[in-house]
């Protein structure tokens, strides 16, 4: 079932999320609904606070671009109670967007690789390294569960340029 999104200005997006204590049917249902939601919105990832749940959960499904420009569907990855273990020293700027901040994009500097520990939907602990777009997505979604939005990383003139768009989203979704 597709869940309603929380948009910029919603207080839940600024909260530090709570750990998942037990992975039960409610958590499994939430994750399945998050999958439906990210697919419906054609997103790369989605965190629980973006669908009004103050829990340390995010999902990622990043496809692979083929030489002809088409995309293969991505493999779903589920991260429950994630912990970033390390990030690379090498950083890169790349444009980001967010389902909770529609039609707003900006260059954000992030590490090009990350090592993460989390639980899967069975409660099993895993550690994995990711690079490129997957690392960026993990860092973006992990920010969400810590109350940080990608626009918080945008400074100076670039931030001033998106401020009117952010106010518009906030006003539209608070009415």
N, C-alpha and C. Protein backbone atom coordinates (compact mmCIF):
# COMPACT_ATOMS: atom_id res chain seq x y z
N UNK A 1 0.84 -1.18 0.00
CA UNK A 1 0.00 0.00 0.00
C UNK A 1 0.89 1.25 0.00
N UNK A 2 0.59 2.16 -0.89
CA UNK A 2 1.33 3.42 -0.95
C UNK A 2 0.99 4.28 0.28
N UNK A 3 2.04 4.81 0.91
CA UNK A 3 1.87 5.64 2.10
C UNK A 3 1.99 7.11 1.74
N UNK A 4 1.32 8.00 2.52
CA UNK A 4 1.46 9.43 2.27
C UNK A 4 2.85 9.92 2.68
N UNK A 5 3.42 10.80 1.86
CA UNK A 5 4.74 11.35 2.15
C UNK A 5 4.67 12.53 3.11
N UNK A 6 5.70 12.67 3.91
CA UNK A 6 5.90 13.88 4.72
C UNK A 6 6.73 14.83 3.88
N UNK A 7 6.29 16.09 3.80
CA UNK A 7 6.98 17.08 2.98
C UNK A 7 7.72 18.10 3.82
N UNK A 8 8.65 18.77 3.16
CA UNK A 8 9.47 19.79 3.81
C UNK A 8 8.60 20.68 4.69
N UNK A 9 9.03 20.86 5.92
CA UNK A 9 8.27 21.62 6.90
C UNK A 9 7.55 20.75 7.91
N UNK A 10 7.34 19.47 7.58
CA UNK A 10 6.72 18.54 8.53
C UNK A 10 7.73 18.26 9.64
N UNK A 11 7.34 18.46 10.90
CA UNK A 11 8.28 18.28 12.02
C UNK A 11 8.92 16.89 12.10
N UNK A 12 8.25 15.85 11.59
CA UNK A 12 8.84 14.50 11.70
C UNK A 12 10.15 14.40 10.93
N UNK A 13 10.31 15.22 9.89
CA UNK A 13 11.54 15.17 9.10
C UNK A 13 12.75 15.73 9.86
N UNK A 14 12.51 16.39 10.98
CA UNK A 14 13.60 16.98 11.76
C UNK A 14 13.88 16.22 13.06
N UNK A 15 13.21 15.10 13.25
CA UNK A 15 13.42 14.32 14.47
C UNK A 15 14.51 13.27 14.28
N UNK A 16 15.22 13.00 15.36
CA UNK A 16 16.12 11.86 15.38
C UNK A 16 15.26 10.64 15.67
N UNK A 17 15.34 9.64 14.81
CA UNK A 17 14.45 8.49 14.91
C UNK A 17 14.85 7.53 16.02
N UNK A 18 13.88 6.73 16.40
CA UNK A 18 14.07 5.73 17.45
C UNK A 18 14.47 4.39 16.82
N UNK A 19 15.25 3.63 17.57
CA UNK A 19 15.65 2.29 17.12
C UNK A 19 14.44 1.37 17.07
N UNK A 20 14.49 0.43 16.17
CA UNK A 20 13.48 -0.62 16.10
C UNK A 20 13.88 -1.68 17.14
N UNK A 21 13.00 -1.94 18.08
CA UNK A 21 13.31 -2.87 19.16
C UNK A 21 13.06 -4.31 18.73
N UNK A 22 11.95 -4.54 18.04
CA UNK A 22 11.63 -5.89 17.58
C UNK A 22 11.08 -5.80 16.16
N UNK A 23 11.53 -6.69 15.32
CA UNK A 23 11.05 -6.73 13.94
C UNK A 23 9.87 -7.69 13.91
N UNK A 24 8.68 -7.11 13.90
CA UNK A 24 7.44 -7.90 13.94
C UNK A 24 6.65 -7.66 12.65
N UNK A 25 5.41 -8.15 12.63
CA UNK A 25 4.58 -8.01 11.43
C UNK A 25 4.30 -6.54 11.09
N UNK A 26 4.18 -5.69 12.11
CA UNK A 26 3.95 -4.26 11.84
C UNK A 26 5.14 -3.64 11.11
N UNK A 27 6.35 -4.00 11.52
CA UNK A 27 7.56 -3.49 10.86
C UNK A 27 7.65 -4.04 9.45
N UNK A 28 7.37 -5.32 9.29
CA UNK A 28 7.41 -5.92 7.95
C UNK A 28 6.39 -5.25 7.02
N UNK A 29 5.21 -4.97 7.53
CA UNK A 29 4.17 -4.30 6.74
C UNK A 29 4.63 -2.90 6.37
N UNK A 30 5.21 -2.19 7.33
CA UNK A 30 5.72 -0.84 7.05
C UNK A 30 6.75 -0.89 5.93
N UNK A 31 7.70 -1.81 6.01
CA UNK A 31 8.74 -1.90 4.98
C UNK A 31 8.12 -2.23 3.62
N UNK A 32 7.17 -3.15 3.58
CA UNK A 32 6.52 -3.49 2.31
C UNK A 32 5.78 -2.27 1.74
N UNK A 33 5.12 -1.51 2.62
CA UNK A 33 4.43 -0.30 2.18
C UNK A 33 5.42 0.77 1.72
N UNK A 34 6.58 0.84 2.36
CA UNK A 34 7.63 1.77 1.92
C UNK A 34 8.11 1.40 0.51
N UNK A 35 8.23 0.10 0.26
CA UNK A 35 8.64 -0.36 -1.08
C UNK A 35 7.61 0.08 -2.11
N UNK A 36 6.32 -0.15 -1.81
CA UNK A 36 5.27 0.29 -2.74
C UNK A 36 5.35 1.79 -2.98
N UNK A 37 5.62 2.54 -1.92
CA UNK A 37 5.67 4.00 -2.01
C UNK A 37 6.85 4.48 -2.85
N UNK A 38 8.04 3.93 -2.63
CA UNK A 38 9.21 4.37 -3.39
C UNK A 38 9.07 4.01 -4.86
N UNK A 39 8.45 2.87 -5.15
CA UNK A 39 8.21 2.47 -6.54
C UNK A 39 7.21 3.42 -7.19
N UNK A 40 6.12 3.70 -6.50
CA UNK A 40 5.08 4.59 -7.02
C UNK A 40 5.65 5.97 -7.36
N UNK A 41 6.56 6.46 -6.51
CA UNK A 41 7.13 7.80 -6.71
C UNK A 41 8.42 7.78 -7.53
N UNK A 42 8.82 6.58 -7.98
CA UNK A 42 10.03 6.42 -8.78
C UNK A 42 11.28 6.97 -8.07
N UNK A 43 11.37 6.68 -6.77
CA UNK A 43 12.50 7.12 -5.98
C UNK A 43 13.61 6.09 -5.96
N UNK A 44 14.76 6.52 -5.44
CA UNK A 44 15.91 5.62 -5.27
C UNK A 44 15.95 5.04 -3.87
N UNK A 45 15.45 5.80 -2.92
CA UNK A 45 15.46 5.38 -1.53
C UNK A 45 14.34 6.07 -0.77
N UNK A 46 14.07 5.58 0.43
CA UNK A 46 13.01 6.14 1.26
C UNK A 46 13.28 5.79 2.71
N UNK A 47 13.10 6.75 3.58
CA UNK A 47 13.28 6.51 5.01
C UNK A 47 11.92 6.53 5.72
N UNK A 48 11.86 5.88 6.85
CA UNK A 48 10.60 5.80 7.61
C UNK A 48 10.03 7.17 7.96
N UNK A 49 10.85 8.15 8.38
CA UNK A 49 10.23 9.44 8.70
C UNK A 49 9.56 10.10 7.49
N UNK A 50 9.99 9.76 6.29
CA UNK A 50 9.37 10.34 5.10
C UNK A 50 7.94 9.84 4.90
N UNK A 51 7.57 8.75 5.60
CA UNK A 51 6.20 8.24 5.55
C UNK A 51 5.59 8.26 6.97
N UNK A 52 6.03 9.25 7.76
CA UNK A 52 5.44 9.56 9.06
C UNK A 52 5.67 8.49 10.13
N UNK A 53 6.82 7.80 10.09
CA UNK A 53 7.18 6.84 11.12
C UNK A 53 8.55 7.21 11.68
N UNK A 54 8.61 7.44 12.97
CA UNK A 54 9.84 7.89 13.62
C UNK A 54 10.72 6.69 14.00
N UNK A 55 11.13 5.94 12.99
CA UNK A 55 11.92 4.72 13.22
C UNK A 55 13.16 4.71 12.34
N UNK A 56 14.21 4.06 12.85
CA UNK A 56 15.48 3.95 12.11
C UNK A 56 15.38 2.83 11.06
N UNK A 57 14.71 3.18 9.97
CA UNK A 57 14.56 2.26 8.85
C UNK A 57 14.69 3.06 7.56
N UNK A 58 15.45 2.53 6.61
CA UNK A 58 15.37 3.06 5.26
C UNK A 58 15.59 1.94 4.25
N UNK A 59 15.13 2.20 3.04
CA UNK A 59 15.26 1.24 1.96
C UNK A 59 15.94 1.91 0.78
N UNK A 60 16.50 1.09 -0.09
CA UNK A 60 17.19 1.61 -1.27
C UNK A 60 16.96 0.62 -2.41
N UNK A 61 16.70 1.17 -3.58
CA UNK A 61 16.57 0.33 -4.77
C UNK A 61 17.12 1.10 -5.96
N UNK A 62 18.40 0.93 -6.20
CA UNK A 62 19.08 1.67 -7.25
C UNK A 62 19.35 0.73 -8.42
N UNK A 63 18.84 1.13 -9.56
CA UNK A 63 19.02 0.34 -10.76
C UNK A 63 20.41 0.51 -11.34
N UNK A 64 20.63 -0.17 -12.44
CA UNK A 64 21.91 -0.10 -13.13
C UNK A 64 21.67 0.43 -14.53
N UNK A 65 22.43 1.47 -14.88
CA UNK A 65 22.29 2.05 -16.21
C UNK A 65 23.05 1.21 -17.22
N UNK A 66 22.37 0.89 -18.31
CA UNK A 66 22.98 0.12 -19.39
C UNK A 66 23.61 1.06 -20.41
N UNK A 67 24.55 0.54 -21.22
CA UNK A 67 25.22 1.39 -22.21
C UNK A 67 24.27 2.12 -23.16
N UNK A 68 23.08 1.53 -23.42
CA UNK A 68 22.12 2.18 -24.32
C UNK A 68 21.28 3.25 -23.63
N UNK A 69 21.54 3.50 -22.34
CA UNK A 69 20.82 4.54 -21.62
C UNK A 69 19.59 4.05 -20.87
N UNK A 70 19.18 2.81 -21.09
CA UNK A 70 18.06 2.27 -20.34
C UNK A 70 18.55 1.78 -18.97
N UNK A 71 17.61 1.46 -18.09
CA UNK A 71 17.96 1.06 -16.72
C UNK A 71 17.39 -0.31 -16.39
N UNK A 72 18.18 -1.09 -15.68
CA UNK A 72 17.69 -2.34 -15.10
C UNK A 72 17.18 -2.02 -13.70
N UNK A 73 16.10 -2.66 -13.27
CA UNK A 73 15.61 -2.40 -11.91
C UNK A 73 16.68 -2.75 -10.87
N UNK A 74 16.68 -2.01 -9.80
CA UNK A 74 17.65 -2.24 -8.75
C UNK A 74 17.19 -3.31 -7.77
N UNK A 75 18.16 -3.86 -7.07
CA UNK A 75 17.86 -4.83 -6.02
C UNK A 75 17.49 -4.06 -4.75
N UNK A 76 16.42 -4.48 -4.13
CA UNK A 76 15.97 -3.84 -2.90
C UNK A 76 16.92 -4.15 -1.76
N UNK A 77 17.33 -3.12 -1.04
CA UNK A 77 18.14 -3.28 0.18
C UNK A 77 17.37 -2.62 1.32
N UNK A 78 17.28 -3.32 2.44
CA UNK A 78 16.57 -2.84 3.62
C UNK A 78 17.58 -2.65 4.74
N UNK A 79 17.50 -1.50 5.39
CA UNK A 79 18.43 -1.16 6.47
C UNK A 79 17.60 -0.80 7.71
N UNK A 80 17.70 -1.63 8.73
CA UNK A 80 17.01 -1.38 10.00
C UNK A 80 18.07 -1.13 11.06
N UNK A 81 17.89 -0.07 11.82
CA UNK A 81 18.87 0.35 12.84
C UNK A 81 20.27 0.48 12.25
N UNK A 82 20.40 1.22 11.14
CA UNK A 82 21.70 1.33 10.47
C UNK A 82 22.71 2.13 11.29
N UNK A 83 23.97 1.77 11.08
CA UNK A 83 25.09 2.49 11.72
C UNK A 83 26.19 2.62 10.66
N UNK A 84 26.57 3.85 10.38
CA UNK A 84 27.66 4.09 9.45
C UNK A 84 28.96 3.77 10.17
N UNK A 85 29.71 2.81 9.64
CA UNK A 85 30.97 2.40 10.28
C UNK A 85 32.15 3.22 9.79
N UNK A 86 32.14 3.55 8.50
CA UNK A 86 33.22 4.37 7.94
C UNK A 86 32.77 4.97 6.61
N UNK A 87 33.42 6.06 6.26
CA UNK A 87 33.21 6.70 4.96
C UNK A 87 34.58 6.98 4.37
N UNK A 88 34.63 7.04 3.06
CA UNK A 88 35.90 7.31 2.38
C UNK A 88 36.31 8.76 2.60
N UNK A 89 37.62 8.99 2.49
CA UNK A 89 38.12 10.36 2.55
C UNK A 89 37.82 11.10 1.25
N UNK A 90 37.69 10.33 0.17
CA UNK A 90 37.43 10.95 -1.13
C UNK A 90 35.96 11.36 -1.20
N UNK A 91 35.74 12.61 -1.58
CA UNK A 91 34.40 13.17 -1.64
C UNK A 91 34.08 13.61 -3.06
N UNK A 92 32.79 13.76 -3.36
CA UNK A 92 32.41 14.32 -4.65
C UNK A 92 31.09 15.08 -4.49
N UNK A 93 30.96 16.13 -5.31
CA UNK A 93 29.70 16.86 -5.40
C UNK A 93 28.85 16.20 -6.47
N UNK A 94 27.56 16.08 -6.18
CA UNK A 94 26.63 15.54 -7.16
C UNK A 94 25.24 16.07 -6.81
N UNK A 95 24.45 16.25 -7.82
CA UNK A 95 23.08 16.75 -7.61
C UNK A 95 22.24 15.71 -6.87
N UNK A 96 21.46 16.19 -5.92
CA UNK A 96 20.53 15.34 -5.19
C UNK A 96 19.15 15.97 -5.21
N UNK A 97 18.16 15.12 -5.03
CA UNK A 97 16.78 15.53 -4.85
C UNK A 97 16.20 14.67 -3.75
N UNK A 98 14.92 14.87 -3.46
CA UNK A 98 14.29 14.14 -2.36
C UNK A 98 12.79 14.09 -2.59
N UNK A 99 12.19 12.94 -2.35
CA UNK A 99 10.74 12.82 -2.50
C UNK A 99 10.00 13.76 -1.56
N UNK A 100 10.59 14.09 -0.42
CA UNK A 100 9.96 14.98 0.55
C UNK A 100 10.15 16.46 0.22
N UNK A 101 10.97 16.73 -0.79
CA UNK A 101 11.22 18.11 -1.21
C UNK A 101 11.11 18.14 -2.74
N UNK A 102 9.89 17.98 -3.26
CA UNK A 102 9.72 17.81 -4.71
C UNK A 102 10.23 18.98 -5.53
N UNK A 103 10.83 18.64 -6.66
CA UNK A 103 11.30 19.59 -7.67
C UNK A 103 12.40 20.52 -7.20
N UNK A 104 13.07 20.16 -6.10
CA UNK A 104 14.22 20.93 -5.62
C UNK A 104 15.45 20.03 -5.72
N UNK A 105 16.49 20.56 -6.34
CA UNK A 105 17.73 19.81 -6.52
C UNK A 105 18.90 20.70 -6.15
N UNK A 106 19.98 20.09 -5.72
CA UNK A 106 21.18 20.84 -5.41
C UNK A 106 22.38 19.94 -5.26
N UNK A 107 23.55 20.51 -5.52
CA UNK A 107 24.79 19.75 -5.40
C UNK A 107 25.16 19.59 -3.93
N UNK A 108 25.42 18.34 -3.56
CA UNK A 108 25.79 18.01 -2.18
C UNK A 108 27.09 17.23 -2.22
N UNK A 109 28.00 17.59 -1.32
CA UNK A 109 29.27 16.87 -1.21
C UNK A 109 29.09 15.70 -0.25
N UNK A 110 29.44 14.50 -0.74
CA UNK A 110 29.35 13.30 0.09
C UNK A 110 30.54 12.39 -0.22
N UNK A 111 30.81 11.50 0.71
CA UNK A 111 31.84 10.48 0.52
C UNK A 111 31.44 9.57 -0.64
N UNK A 112 32.44 9.07 -1.38
CA UNK A 112 32.13 8.22 -2.53
C UNK A 112 31.95 6.75 -2.15
N UNK A 113 32.31 6.40 -0.90
CA UNK A 113 32.05 5.03 -0.45
C UNK A 113 31.74 5.05 1.05
N UNK A 114 31.03 4.01 1.48
CA UNK A 114 30.58 3.93 2.86
C UNK A 114 30.52 2.46 3.28
N UNK A 115 30.80 2.23 4.54
CA UNK A 115 30.62 0.90 5.14
C UNK A 115 29.54 1.05 6.20
N UNK A 116 28.54 0.17 6.14
CA UNK A 116 27.38 0.28 7.02
C UNK A 116 27.10 -1.06 7.69
N UNK A 117 26.57 -0.98 8.90
CA UNK A 117 26.07 -2.16 9.62
C UNK A 117 24.59 -1.90 9.87
N UNK A 118 23.77 -2.91 9.64
CA UNK A 118 22.33 -2.78 9.87
C UNK A 118 21.73 -4.16 10.03
N UNK A 119 20.44 -4.17 10.32
CA UNK A 119 19.69 -5.42 10.36
C UNK A 119 18.84 -5.51 9.10
N UNK A 120 18.59 -6.74 8.66
CA UNK A 120 17.67 -6.94 7.54
C UNK A 120 16.27 -7.23 8.10
N UNK A 121 15.35 -7.56 7.24
CA UNK A 121 13.96 -7.77 7.65
C UNK A 121 13.78 -9.02 8.52
N UNK A 122 14.78 -9.91 8.50
CA UNK A 122 14.74 -11.08 9.39
C UNK A 122 15.41 -10.81 10.73
N UNK A 123 15.94 -9.60 10.89
CA UNK A 123 16.62 -9.24 12.13
C UNK A 123 18.09 -9.61 12.13
N UNK A 124 18.58 -10.16 11.02
CA UNK A 124 19.98 -10.55 10.94
C UNK A 124 20.86 -9.32 10.72
N UNK A 125 21.96 -9.26 11.45
CA UNK A 125 22.91 -8.16 11.33
C UNK A 125 23.80 -8.40 10.12
N UNK A 126 24.07 -7.34 9.36
CA UNK A 126 25.00 -7.46 8.23
C UNK A 126 25.86 -6.21 8.15
N UNK A 127 27.03 -6.37 7.55
CA UNK A 127 27.92 -5.25 7.25
C UNK A 127 28.20 -5.31 5.76
N UNK A 128 28.19 -4.14 5.13
CA UNK A 128 28.42 -4.12 3.69
C UNK A 128 29.03 -2.78 3.29
N UNK A 129 29.81 -2.82 2.23
CA UNK A 129 30.40 -1.59 1.68
C UNK A 129 29.69 -1.25 0.38
N UNK A 130 29.48 0.04 0.18
CA UNK A 130 28.83 0.54 -1.03
C UNK A 130 29.63 1.71 -1.57
N UNK A 131 29.52 1.92 -2.87
CA UNK A 131 30.21 3.06 -3.47
C UNK A 131 29.29 3.72 -4.50
N UNK A 132 29.73 4.87 -4.98
CA UNK A 132 28.99 5.57 -6.02
C UNK A 132 27.62 6.02 -5.56
N UNK A 133 26.65 5.86 -6.45
CA UNK A 133 25.29 6.31 -6.19
C UNK A 133 24.67 5.59 -4.99
N UNK A 134 25.01 4.31 -4.80
CA UNK A 134 24.48 3.59 -3.64
C UNK A 134 24.99 4.20 -2.33
N UNK A 135 26.27 4.56 -2.28
CA UNK A 135 26.82 5.19 -1.08
C UNK A 135 26.13 6.53 -0.82
N UNK A 136 25.93 7.31 -1.88
CA UNK A 136 25.27 8.61 -1.76
C UNK A 136 23.84 8.42 -1.22
N UNK A 137 23.13 7.45 -1.76
CA UNK A 137 21.76 7.19 -1.32
C UNK A 137 21.73 6.79 0.16
N UNK A 138 22.63 5.92 0.56
CA UNK A 138 22.70 5.50 1.97
C UNK A 138 22.96 6.70 2.87
N UNK A 139 23.90 7.54 2.50
CA UNK A 139 24.21 8.71 3.33
C UNK A 139 23.02 9.68 3.37
N UNK A 140 22.34 9.85 2.25
CA UNK A 140 21.15 10.70 2.18
C UNK A 140 20.05 10.16 3.10
N UNK A 141 19.75 8.86 2.98
CA UNK A 141 18.68 8.27 3.79
C UNK A 141 19.07 8.19 5.27
N UNK A 142 20.34 7.93 5.54
CA UNK A 142 20.80 7.91 6.93
C UNK A 142 20.66 9.30 7.56
N UNK A 143 20.92 10.34 6.77
CA UNK A 143 20.67 11.70 7.26
C UNK A 143 19.21 11.85 7.69
N UNK A 144 18.29 11.32 6.88
CA UNK A 144 16.86 11.44 7.20
C UNK A 144 16.54 10.90 8.59
N UNK A 145 17.10 9.75 8.95
CA UNK A 145 16.76 9.18 10.26
C UNK A 145 17.44 9.93 11.41
N UNK A 146 18.29 10.89 11.05
CA UNK A 146 18.91 11.76 12.04
C UNK A 146 18.39 13.20 11.96
N UNK A 147 17.29 13.39 11.24
CA UNK A 147 16.65 14.70 11.17
C UNK A 147 17.36 15.70 10.27
N UNK A 148 18.18 15.22 9.36
CA UNK A 148 18.95 16.08 8.45
C UNK A 148 18.42 15.89 7.04
N UNK A 149 18.25 16.99 6.32
CA UNK A 149 17.78 16.95 4.94
C UNK A 149 18.90 17.36 4.01
N UNK A 150 18.84 16.90 2.76
CA UNK A 150 19.93 17.20 1.82
C UNK A 150 20.12 18.70 1.65
N UNK A 151 19.05 19.47 1.75
CA UNK A 151 19.17 20.93 1.58
C UNK A 151 19.99 21.57 2.70
N UNK A 152 20.12 20.88 3.83
CA UNK A 152 20.94 21.40 4.94
C UNK A 152 22.42 21.45 4.56
N UNK A 153 22.80 20.67 3.56
CA UNK A 153 24.20 20.63 3.10
C UNK A 153 24.49 21.70 2.05
N UNK A 154 23.47 22.39 1.59
CA UNK A 154 23.63 23.40 0.53
C UNK A 154 23.79 24.76 1.19
N UNK A 155 24.84 25.45 0.83
CA UNK A 155 25.19 26.73 1.47
C UNK A 155 25.31 27.85 0.43
N UNK A 156 25.42 29.06 0.94
CA UNK A 156 25.73 30.22 0.12
C UNK A 156 24.67 30.55 -0.92
N UNK A 157 25.14 30.95 -2.10
CA UNK A 157 24.25 31.37 -3.18
C UNK A 157 23.30 30.26 -3.61
N UNK A 158 23.81 29.03 -3.63
CA UNK A 158 22.96 27.90 -4.03
C UNK A 158 21.80 27.73 -3.05
N UNK A 159 22.06 27.94 -1.77
CA UNK A 159 20.99 27.83 -0.76
C UNK A 159 19.97 28.96 -0.93
N UNK A 160 20.48 30.16 -1.16
CA UNK A 160 19.58 31.31 -1.36
C UNK A 160 18.67 31.09 -2.56
N UNK A 161 19.20 30.43 -3.58
CA UNK A 161 18.43 30.17 -4.79
C UNK A 161 17.26 29.23 -4.53
N UNK A 162 17.43 28.25 -3.64
CA UNK A 162 16.35 27.28 -3.40
C UNK A 162 15.41 27.70 -2.26
N UNK A 163 15.78 28.71 -1.49
CA UNK A 163 14.94 29.14 -0.35
C UNK A 163 13.49 29.43 -0.74
N UNK A 164 13.24 30.17 -1.82
CA UNK A 164 11.83 30.42 -2.18
C UNK A 164 11.06 29.13 -2.48
N UNK A 165 11.73 28.16 -3.10
CA UNK A 165 11.08 26.89 -3.40
C UNK A 165 10.75 26.14 -2.11
N UNK A 166 11.67 26.18 -1.15
CA UNK A 166 11.43 25.52 0.14
C UNK A 166 10.26 26.16 0.88
N UNK A 167 10.22 27.49 0.87
CA UNK A 167 9.10 28.18 1.53
C UNK A 167 7.76 27.83 0.88
N UNK A 168 7.77 27.71 -0.45
CA UNK A 168 6.56 27.35 -1.19
C UNK A 168 6.08 25.95 -0.80
N UNK A 169 6.99 24.99 -0.73
CA UNK A 169 6.64 23.62 -0.34
C UNK A 169 6.09 23.61 1.09
N UNK A 170 6.77 24.32 1.97
CA UNK A 170 6.37 24.37 3.37
C UNK A 170 4.96 24.98 3.50
N UNK A 171 4.73 26.06 2.79
CA UNK A 171 3.42 26.74 2.86
C UNK A 171 2.33 25.85 2.29
N UNK A 172 2.58 25.23 1.15
CA UNK A 172 1.60 24.38 0.49
C UNK A 172 1.20 23.20 1.37
N UNK A 173 2.16 22.64 2.08
CA UNK A 173 1.91 21.42 2.84
C UNK A 173 1.54 21.68 4.30
N UNK A 174 1.52 22.93 4.72
CA UNK A 174 1.09 23.24 6.09
C UNK A 174 -0.35 23.74 6.10
N UNK A 175 -0.89 23.97 4.92
CA UNK A 175 -2.28 24.50 4.83
C UNK A 175 -3.31 23.42 5.07
